[in-house]
N, C-alpha and C. Protein backbone atom coordinates (compact mmCIF):
# COMPACT_ATOMS: atom_id res chain seq x y z
N MET A 1 66.36 -14.92 -4.43
CA MET A 1 65.06 -15.41 -4.82
C MET A 1 64.01 -14.31 -4.69
N ARG A 2 64.16 -13.55 -3.65
CA ARG A 2 63.22 -12.47 -3.41
C ARG A 2 63.29 -11.42 -4.50
N ASN A 3 64.51 -11.11 -4.95
CA ASN A 3 64.69 -10.12 -6.02
C ASN A 3 64.13 -10.62 -7.34
N ILE A 4 64.22 -11.92 -7.58
CA ILE A 4 63.70 -12.48 -8.82
C ILE A 4 62.19 -12.35 -8.86
N LYS A 5 61.54 -12.64 -7.75
CA LYS A 5 60.08 -12.51 -7.68
C LYS A 5 59.66 -11.05 -7.88
N ARG A 6 60.44 -10.18 -7.24
CA ARG A 6 60.13 -8.75 -7.36
C ARG A 6 60.31 -8.27 -8.79
N ASN A 7 61.40 -8.67 -9.43
CA ASN A 7 61.65 -8.28 -10.82
C ASN A 7 60.59 -8.87 -11.76
N LEU A 8 60.22 -10.13 -11.51
CA LEU A 8 59.18 -10.77 -12.32
C LEU A 8 57.85 -10.03 -12.17
N PHE A 9 57.55 -9.62 -10.95
CA PHE A 9 56.32 -8.85 -10.71
C PHE A 9 56.36 -7.52 -11.45
N LEU A 10 57.49 -6.83 -11.42
CA LEU A 10 57.63 -5.55 -12.10
C LEU A 10 57.52 -5.71 -13.62
N VAL A 11 58.10 -6.77 -14.15
CA VAL A 11 58.01 -7.02 -15.59
C VAL A 11 56.56 -7.29 -15.98
N LEU A 12 55.89 -8.10 -15.18
CA LEU A 12 54.48 -8.41 -15.44
C LEU A 12 53.64 -7.14 -15.34
N LEU A 13 53.88 -6.32 -14.37
CA LEU A 13 53.16 -5.06 -14.21
C LEU A 13 53.42 -4.13 -15.40
N ALA A 14 54.66 -4.06 -15.87
CA ALA A 14 54.99 -3.23 -17.02
C ALA A 14 54.31 -3.77 -18.28
N LEU A 15 54.23 -5.08 -18.41
CA LEU A 15 53.56 -5.69 -19.56
C LEU A 15 52.08 -5.37 -19.56
N ILE A 16 51.44 -5.46 -18.41
CA ILE A 16 50.02 -5.14 -18.30
C ILE A 16 49.78 -3.66 -18.62
N ALA A 17 50.63 -2.79 -18.11
CA ALA A 17 50.50 -1.36 -18.36
C ALA A 17 50.67 -1.05 -19.85
N SER A 18 51.59 -1.74 -20.52
CA SER A 18 51.79 -1.47 -21.95
C SER A 18 50.60 -1.96 -22.76
N PHE A 19 50.01 -3.11 -22.38
CA PHE A 19 48.80 -3.57 -23.06
C PHE A 19 47.65 -2.60 -22.85
N TYR A 20 47.55 -2.07 -21.65
CA TYR A 20 46.49 -1.11 -21.35
C TYR A 20 46.68 0.16 -22.18
N ALA A 21 47.90 0.66 -22.28
CA ALA A 21 48.17 1.87 -23.05
C ALA A 21 47.91 1.63 -24.54
N ALA A 22 48.29 0.46 -25.04
CA ALA A 22 48.06 0.15 -26.44
C ALA A 22 46.57 0.05 -26.75
N SER A 23 45.82 -0.56 -25.84
CA SER A 23 44.37 -0.68 -26.08
C SER A 23 43.70 0.68 -26.01
N ALA A 24 44.16 1.55 -25.12
CA ALA A 24 43.59 2.90 -25.03
C ALA A 24 43.88 3.69 -26.30
N ALA A 25 45.08 3.56 -26.83
CA ALA A 25 45.44 4.26 -28.07
C ALA A 25 44.63 3.69 -29.24
N TYR A 26 44.47 2.39 -29.26
CA TYR A 26 43.68 1.76 -30.33
C TYR A 26 42.23 2.22 -30.28
N ALA A 27 41.67 2.34 -29.07
CA ALA A 27 40.28 2.77 -28.92
C ALA A 27 40.12 4.22 -29.36
N GLN A 28 41.13 5.05 -29.12
CA GLN A 28 41.02 6.44 -29.50
C GLN A 28 41.13 6.63 -31.01
N GLU A 29 41.90 5.79 -31.66
CA GLU A 29 42.04 5.90 -33.11
C GLU A 29 40.79 5.39 -33.82
N GLY A 30 40.02 4.59 -33.13
CA GLY A 30 38.82 4.03 -33.75
C GLY A 30 39.08 2.59 -34.16
N GLN A 31 38.04 1.83 -34.12
CA GLN A 31 38.16 0.43 -34.48
C GLN A 31 37.95 0.30 -35.98
N PRO A 32 38.58 -0.70 -36.59
CA PRO A 32 38.34 -0.88 -38.01
C PRO A 32 36.87 -1.26 -38.23
N GLY A 33 36.25 -0.62 -39.19
CA GLY A 33 34.85 -0.90 -39.46
C GLY A 33 33.90 -0.15 -38.54
N TYR A 34 34.42 0.72 -37.69
CA TYR A 34 33.55 1.51 -36.82
C TYR A 34 33.45 2.90 -37.40
N PRO A 35 32.37 3.52 -37.46
CA PRO A 35 31.04 3.03 -37.09
C PRO A 35 30.42 2.21 -38.22
N THR A 36 29.65 1.22 -37.82
CA THR A 36 28.95 0.39 -38.80
C THR A 36 27.65 1.09 -39.20
N ASP A 37 26.99 0.53 -40.20
CA ASP A 37 25.68 1.07 -40.61
C ASP A 37 24.68 0.99 -39.47
N ASN A 38 24.78 -0.07 -38.66
CA ASN A 38 23.87 -0.20 -37.51
C ASN A 38 24.10 0.91 -36.49
N ASP A 39 25.36 1.29 -36.28
CA ASP A 39 25.66 2.38 -35.35
C ASP A 39 25.07 3.69 -35.86
N VAL A 40 25.22 3.94 -37.15
CA VAL A 40 24.69 5.17 -37.74
C VAL A 40 23.16 5.16 -37.70
N ASN A 41 22.55 4.03 -38.06
CA ASN A 41 21.09 3.93 -38.10
C ASN A 41 20.46 4.00 -36.71
N ARG A 42 21.19 3.55 -35.69
CA ARG A 42 20.66 3.65 -34.32
C ARG A 42 20.41 5.11 -33.96
N ILE A 43 21.28 5.99 -34.41
CA ILE A 43 21.10 7.43 -34.16
C ILE A 43 20.12 8.02 -35.17
N ALA A 44 20.22 7.58 -36.43
CA ALA A 44 19.37 8.14 -37.49
C ALA A 44 17.89 7.85 -37.23
N LYS A 45 17.57 6.76 -36.55
CA LYS A 45 16.17 6.45 -36.22
C LYS A 45 15.58 7.48 -35.28
N LYS A 46 16.43 8.14 -34.54
CA LYS A 46 15.96 9.11 -33.55
C LYS A 46 15.86 10.52 -34.12
N LEU A 47 16.20 10.68 -35.40
CA LEU A 47 16.14 11.99 -36.05
C LEU A 47 15.19 11.93 -37.24
N TYR A 48 14.58 13.08 -37.56
CA TYR A 48 13.68 13.17 -38.71
C TYR A 48 14.37 13.90 -39.85
N CYS A 49 13.95 13.56 -41.04
CA CYS A 49 14.46 14.18 -42.26
C CYS A 49 14.16 15.68 -42.24
N PRO A 50 15.11 16.53 -42.65
CA PRO A 50 14.85 17.97 -42.68
C PRO A 50 13.95 18.39 -43.84
N VAL A 51 13.80 17.51 -44.86
CA VAL A 51 13.03 17.85 -46.05
C VAL A 51 11.65 17.21 -46.02
N CYS A 52 11.60 15.91 -45.76
CA CYS A 52 10.33 15.16 -45.78
C CYS A 52 9.68 15.22 -44.39
N PRO A 53 8.40 15.56 -44.31
CA PRO A 53 7.75 15.62 -43.01
C PRO A 53 7.52 14.21 -42.44
N ASN A 54 7.80 14.06 -41.16
CA ASN A 54 7.55 12.83 -40.41
C ASN A 54 8.19 11.59 -41.03
N THR A 55 9.39 11.73 -41.56
CA THR A 55 10.11 10.59 -42.11
C THR A 55 11.41 10.43 -41.33
N PRO A 56 11.62 9.27 -40.70
CA PRO A 56 12.87 9.06 -39.98
C PRO A 56 14.08 9.11 -40.91
N LEU A 57 15.16 9.59 -40.38
CA LEU A 57 16.38 9.79 -41.16
C LEU A 57 16.95 8.48 -41.69
N ASP A 58 16.74 7.38 -40.98
CA ASP A 58 17.34 6.11 -41.39
C ASP A 58 16.67 5.50 -42.62
N VAL A 59 15.44 5.90 -42.97
CA VAL A 59 14.75 5.32 -44.12
C VAL A 59 14.56 6.31 -45.27
N CYS A 60 14.90 7.55 -45.06
CA CYS A 60 14.68 8.57 -46.09
C CYS A 60 15.77 8.47 -47.16
N GLU A 61 15.37 8.67 -48.41
CA GLU A 61 16.28 8.51 -49.55
C GLU A 61 16.79 9.83 -50.11
N THR A 62 16.45 10.97 -49.50
CA THR A 62 16.86 12.26 -50.05
C THR A 62 18.36 12.49 -49.88
N LYS A 63 18.88 13.40 -50.66
CA LYS A 63 20.30 13.74 -50.59
C LYS A 63 20.65 14.35 -49.23
N ALA A 64 19.73 15.15 -48.69
CA ALA A 64 19.98 15.76 -47.37
C ALA A 64 20.16 14.69 -46.31
N CYS A 65 19.34 13.65 -46.36
CA CYS A 65 19.45 12.58 -45.37
C CYS A 65 20.73 11.77 -45.55
N GLU A 66 21.12 11.56 -46.80
CA GLU A 66 22.40 10.87 -47.05
C GLU A 66 23.55 11.68 -46.45
N ASP A 67 23.49 13.00 -46.63
CA ASP A 67 24.52 13.87 -46.07
C ASP A 67 24.53 13.81 -44.54
N TRP A 68 23.34 13.83 -43.96
CA TRP A 68 23.26 13.76 -42.49
C TRP A 68 23.80 12.44 -41.98
N ARG A 69 23.47 11.33 -42.64
CA ARG A 69 23.99 10.03 -42.21
C ARG A 69 25.51 10.00 -42.34
N ALA A 70 26.04 10.59 -43.40
CA ALA A 70 27.50 10.66 -43.57
C ALA A 70 28.11 11.50 -42.45
N GLN A 71 27.44 12.58 -42.09
CA GLN A 71 27.94 13.43 -41.02
C GLN A 71 27.91 12.68 -39.68
N ILE A 72 26.86 11.90 -39.44
CA ILE A 72 26.79 11.09 -38.22
C ILE A 72 27.94 10.09 -38.20
N ARG A 73 28.20 9.45 -39.35
CA ARG A 73 29.30 8.48 -39.44
C ARG A 73 30.63 9.16 -39.12
N ASP A 74 30.86 10.36 -39.67
CA ASP A 74 32.10 11.09 -39.42
C ASP A 74 32.23 11.45 -37.94
N GLN A 75 31.14 11.92 -37.35
CA GLN A 75 31.19 12.30 -35.94
C GLN A 75 31.46 11.10 -35.05
N LEU A 76 30.85 9.96 -35.36
CA LEU A 76 31.09 8.75 -34.56
C LEU A 76 32.53 8.28 -34.71
N SER A 77 33.06 8.37 -35.93
CA SER A 77 34.45 7.94 -36.13
C SER A 77 35.44 8.87 -35.44
N GLU A 78 35.03 10.12 -35.20
CA GLU A 78 35.87 11.06 -34.46
C GLU A 78 35.78 10.86 -32.95
N GLY A 79 34.88 9.97 -32.53
CA GLY A 79 34.78 9.65 -31.11
C GLY A 79 33.62 10.32 -30.41
N TRP A 80 32.73 10.93 -31.14
CA TRP A 80 31.55 11.57 -30.52
C TRP A 80 30.64 10.49 -29.96
N SER A 81 29.99 10.79 -28.86
CA SER A 81 29.00 9.87 -28.30
C SER A 81 27.66 10.09 -29.00
N GLU A 82 26.75 9.16 -28.80
CA GLU A 82 25.42 9.28 -29.40
C GLU A 82 24.73 10.56 -28.94
N GLN A 83 24.84 10.86 -27.65
CA GLN A 83 24.20 12.06 -27.11
C GLN A 83 24.81 13.33 -27.69
N GLN A 84 26.12 13.34 -27.90
CA GLN A 84 26.76 14.51 -28.49
C GLN A 84 26.28 14.74 -29.92
N VAL A 85 26.11 13.66 -30.67
CA VAL A 85 25.61 13.78 -32.05
C VAL A 85 24.19 14.33 -32.04
N MET A 86 23.35 13.79 -31.16
CA MET A 86 21.96 14.26 -31.07
C MET A 86 21.93 15.74 -30.67
N ASP A 87 22.74 16.10 -29.69
CA ASP A 87 22.78 17.50 -29.24
C ASP A 87 23.25 18.43 -30.36
N TYR A 88 24.18 17.96 -31.18
CA TYR A 88 24.67 18.77 -32.30
C TYR A 88 23.52 19.08 -33.27
N PHE A 89 22.76 18.05 -33.65
CA PHE A 89 21.68 18.26 -34.61
C PHE A 89 20.56 19.13 -34.02
N VAL A 90 20.29 18.98 -32.72
CA VAL A 90 19.28 19.83 -32.08
C VAL A 90 19.77 21.27 -32.06
N ALA A 91 21.05 21.47 -31.77
CA ALA A 91 21.60 22.83 -31.74
C ALA A 91 21.57 23.46 -33.13
N GLN A 92 21.81 22.67 -34.17
CA GLN A 92 21.85 23.19 -35.53
C GLN A 92 20.46 23.44 -36.11
N TYR A 93 19.51 22.52 -35.86
CA TYR A 93 18.22 22.56 -36.56
C TYR A 93 17.01 22.66 -35.64
N GLY A 94 17.21 22.67 -34.36
CA GLY A 94 16.09 22.77 -33.43
C GLY A 94 15.52 21.40 -33.06
N GLU A 95 14.61 21.41 -32.11
CA GLU A 95 14.05 20.14 -31.60
C GLU A 95 13.12 19.46 -32.60
N ARG A 96 12.79 20.12 -33.67
CA ARG A 96 11.89 19.51 -34.66
C ARG A 96 12.55 18.33 -35.35
N VAL A 97 13.89 18.20 -35.28
CA VAL A 97 14.57 17.08 -35.91
C VAL A 97 14.48 15.80 -35.07
N LEU A 98 14.07 15.93 -33.82
CA LEU A 98 14.00 14.76 -32.95
C LEU A 98 12.73 13.96 -33.23
N ALA A 99 12.88 12.65 -33.33
CA ALA A 99 11.72 11.78 -33.52
C ALA A 99 10.91 11.70 -32.24
N GLU A 100 11.56 11.85 -31.11
CA GLU A 100 10.90 11.77 -29.81
C GLU A 100 11.26 13.05 -29.05
N PRO A 101 10.27 13.86 -28.68
CA PRO A 101 10.59 15.12 -27.98
C PRO A 101 11.27 14.85 -26.64
N GLN A 102 12.11 15.80 -26.27
CA GLN A 102 12.80 15.67 -24.99
C GLN A 102 11.79 15.78 -23.85
N ARG A 103 12.07 15.13 -22.76
CA ARG A 103 11.13 15.08 -21.63
C ARG A 103 11.49 16.14 -20.60
N LYS A 104 11.44 17.39 -21.04
CA LYS A 104 11.69 18.48 -20.10
C LYS A 104 10.97 19.71 -20.59
N GLY A 105 10.66 20.60 -19.68
CA GLY A 105 10.03 21.85 -20.03
C GLY A 105 8.64 21.67 -20.60
N PHE A 106 8.31 22.51 -21.58
CA PHE A 106 6.98 22.52 -22.18
C PHE A 106 6.68 21.21 -22.91
N THR A 107 7.70 20.58 -23.49
CA THR A 107 7.47 19.35 -24.24
C THR A 107 7.11 18.18 -23.33
N SER A 108 7.26 18.33 -22.03
CA SER A 108 6.86 17.25 -21.13
C SER A 108 5.34 17.04 -21.17
N LEU A 109 4.60 18.06 -21.63
CA LEU A 109 3.15 17.89 -21.78
C LEU A 109 2.82 16.79 -22.78
N VAL A 110 3.68 16.61 -23.77
CA VAL A 110 3.46 15.57 -24.77
C VAL A 110 3.41 14.20 -24.10
N TRP A 111 4.13 14.04 -23.00
CA TRP A 111 4.18 12.75 -22.31
C TRP A 111 3.07 12.63 -21.28
N PHE A 112 2.70 13.74 -20.63
CA PHE A 112 1.74 13.65 -19.53
C PHE A 112 0.29 13.87 -19.97
N LEU A 113 0.07 14.60 -21.05
CA LEU A 113 -1.29 14.88 -21.51
C LEU A 113 -2.06 13.62 -21.90
N PRO A 114 -1.48 12.69 -22.65
CA PRO A 114 -2.24 11.47 -22.98
C PRO A 114 -2.60 10.65 -21.74
N LEU A 115 -1.70 10.57 -20.80
CA LEU A 115 -1.98 9.83 -19.57
C LEU A 115 -3.12 10.50 -18.80
N THR A 116 -3.08 11.81 -18.73
CA THR A 116 -4.14 12.55 -18.05
C THR A 116 -5.48 12.35 -18.76
N ALA A 117 -5.47 12.40 -20.09
CA ALA A 117 -6.70 12.21 -20.85
C ALA A 117 -7.27 10.81 -20.63
N VAL A 118 -6.43 9.81 -20.58
CA VAL A 118 -6.90 8.45 -20.34
C VAL A 118 -7.51 8.33 -18.95
N LEU A 119 -6.88 8.92 -17.96
CA LEU A 119 -7.42 8.85 -16.59
C LEU A 119 -8.77 9.58 -16.49
N ILE A 120 -8.87 10.75 -17.08
CA ILE A 120 -10.13 11.49 -17.04
C ILE A 120 -11.21 10.73 -17.82
N GLY A 121 -10.86 10.20 -18.98
CA GLY A 121 -11.82 9.42 -19.77
C GLY A 121 -12.31 8.20 -19.03
N THR A 122 -11.43 7.52 -18.32
CA THR A 122 -11.82 6.36 -17.53
C THR A 122 -12.80 6.77 -16.44
N GLY A 123 -12.53 7.90 -15.80
CA GLY A 123 -13.44 8.39 -14.76
C GLY A 123 -14.81 8.73 -15.32
N VAL A 124 -14.85 9.38 -16.48
CA VAL A 124 -16.13 9.74 -17.12
C VAL A 124 -16.92 8.49 -17.49
N VAL A 125 -16.26 7.50 -18.09
CA VAL A 125 -16.93 6.25 -18.47
C VAL A 125 -17.46 5.54 -17.22
N TYR A 126 -16.68 5.54 -16.16
CA TYR A 126 -17.13 4.90 -14.91
C TYR A 126 -18.39 5.58 -14.38
N GLU A 127 -18.41 6.91 -14.37
CA GLU A 127 -19.57 7.65 -13.87
C GLU A 127 -20.81 7.40 -14.75
N ILE A 128 -20.63 7.36 -16.06
CA ILE A 128 -21.76 7.10 -16.97
C ILE A 128 -22.32 5.71 -16.72
N LEU A 129 -21.46 4.72 -16.63
CA LEU A 129 -21.93 3.35 -16.38
C LEU A 129 -22.62 3.23 -15.03
N ARG A 130 -22.09 3.92 -14.03
CA ARG A 130 -22.71 3.88 -12.70
C ARG A 130 -24.10 4.53 -12.73
N SER A 131 -24.24 5.65 -13.46
CA SER A 131 -25.55 6.30 -13.52
C SER A 131 -26.54 5.44 -14.30
N TRP A 132 -26.10 4.75 -15.35
CA TRP A 132 -26.98 3.85 -16.09
C TRP A 132 -27.47 2.72 -15.20
N ARG A 133 -26.56 2.19 -14.40
CA ARG A 133 -26.93 1.09 -13.51
C ARG A 133 -27.95 1.57 -12.48
N ASN A 134 -27.76 2.77 -11.96
CA ASN A 134 -28.71 3.32 -10.98
C ASN A 134 -30.07 3.57 -11.62
N GLN A 135 -30.09 4.04 -12.87
CA GLN A 135 -31.35 4.26 -13.58
C GLN A 135 -32.06 2.93 -13.81
N LYS A 136 -31.32 1.91 -14.16
CA LYS A 136 -31.92 0.60 -14.43
C LYS A 136 -32.57 0.03 -13.18
N THR A 137 -31.90 0.12 -12.07
CA THR A 137 -32.48 -0.41 -10.82
C THR A 137 -33.66 0.45 -10.38
N ALA A 138 -33.64 1.73 -10.68
CA ALA A 138 -34.75 2.60 -10.28
C ALA A 138 -36.00 2.32 -11.12
N THR A 139 -35.83 2.01 -12.40
CA THR A 139 -36.99 1.76 -13.26
C THR A 139 -37.55 0.36 -13.06
N THR A 140 -36.76 -0.58 -12.62
CA THR A 140 -37.26 -1.94 -12.44
C THR A 140 -37.96 -2.13 -11.10
N ALA A 141 -37.77 -1.23 -10.18
CA ALA A 141 -38.44 -1.35 -8.88
C ALA A 141 -39.93 -1.07 -9.05
N VAL A 142 -40.79 -1.90 -8.38
CA VAL A 142 -42.24 -1.75 -8.47
C VAL A 142 -42.68 -0.72 -7.43
N PRO A 143 -43.37 0.31 -7.88
CA PRO A 143 -43.82 1.32 -6.90
C PRO A 143 -44.93 0.72 -6.02
N PRO A 144 -45.00 1.16 -4.80
CA PRO A 144 -46.04 0.62 -3.90
C PRO A 144 -47.44 1.03 -4.37
N LEU A 145 -48.38 0.15 -4.14
CA LEU A 145 -49.78 0.44 -4.51
C LEU A 145 -50.37 1.45 -3.53
N PRO A 146 -51.19 2.34 -4.06
CA PRO A 146 -51.80 3.31 -3.14
C PRO A 146 -52.85 2.62 -2.24
N GLU A 147 -53.07 3.17 -1.08
CA GLU A 147 -54.08 2.64 -0.14
C GLU A 147 -55.48 2.88 -0.71
N ILE A 148 -56.27 1.84 -0.74
CA ILE A 148 -57.66 1.98 -1.19
C ILE A 148 -58.52 2.11 0.06
N PRO A 149 -59.33 3.14 0.09
CA PRO A 149 -60.17 3.33 1.28
C PRO A 149 -61.11 2.13 1.50
N LYS A 150 -61.41 1.86 2.76
CA LYS A 150 -62.23 0.71 3.14
C LYS A 150 -63.63 0.82 2.57
N GLU A 151 -64.20 1.99 2.53
CA GLU A 151 -65.55 2.19 2.00
C GLU A 151 -65.62 1.83 0.52
N LEU A 152 -64.58 2.20 -0.22
CA LEU A 152 -64.55 1.90 -1.64
C LEU A 152 -64.48 0.39 -1.87
N LEU A 153 -63.66 -0.28 -1.08
CA LEU A 153 -63.56 -1.73 -1.21
C LEU A 153 -64.90 -2.41 -0.93
N GLU A 154 -65.61 -1.95 0.10
CA GLU A 154 -66.91 -2.53 0.43
C GLU A 154 -67.91 -2.30 -0.70
N LYS A 155 -67.87 -1.11 -1.30
CA LYS A 155 -68.76 -0.79 -2.40
C LYS A 155 -68.50 -1.69 -3.59
N ILE A 156 -67.20 -1.91 -3.90
CA ILE A 156 -66.84 -2.78 -5.03
C ILE A 156 -67.32 -4.20 -4.76
N GLU A 157 -67.18 -4.70 -3.54
CA GLU A 157 -67.61 -6.06 -3.19
C GLU A 157 -69.13 -6.19 -3.33
N ARG A 158 -69.90 -5.18 -2.89
CA ARG A 158 -71.36 -5.22 -3.03
C ARG A 158 -71.78 -5.29 -4.50
N GLU A 159 -71.12 -4.48 -5.32
CA GLU A 159 -71.49 -4.46 -6.73
C GLU A 159 -71.16 -5.80 -7.39
N ILE A 160 -70.06 -6.42 -7.00
CA ILE A 160 -69.71 -7.73 -7.56
C ILE A 160 -70.74 -8.78 -7.15
N ARG A 161 -71.24 -8.73 -5.90
CA ARG A 161 -72.24 -9.69 -5.43
C ARG A 161 -73.56 -9.47 -6.17
N GLU A 162 -73.88 -8.26 -6.43
CA GLU A 162 -75.13 -7.97 -7.13
C GLU A 162 -75.08 -8.51 -8.57
N LEU A 163 -73.92 -8.49 -9.17
CA LEU A 163 -73.79 -9.00 -10.53
C LEU A 163 -73.97 -10.51 -10.57
N ASP A 164 -73.65 -11.20 -9.56
CA ASP A 164 -73.76 -12.65 -9.56
C ASP A 164 -75.12 -13.06 -9.40
């Protein structure tokens, strides 16, 4: 009985291993229908047309873009990852083909400069509003009346009595 259980376990283990090997071979050969248009367009959205300025590769109708999309499809069917495809195009044509600049080195300024400008602008607007508020309170305050000498007050009172 013990040998039967052991043999059954070994057969089951061999069956699982063969399914695993078959699935690995199937994955390496590529799946039918892979890559789909969505797979190609997911990468093409991140690249710009080499001919048309500021036009994403997924919507451009030029022959160059059709060729690039075909090349992306071929690379994906060969098992390339998305990052490998992107790196290939950057190596071939430079970073100008990227729709979004990489976040390293000098191009990191593209990401940090707008944030810095917003923070500085907010500070400037705050200071301007604060100074306006201080000016408003300063102009609405009533200045104290100057002291009128006692002799002058008495003189004014005498003249008023004389008029009556």
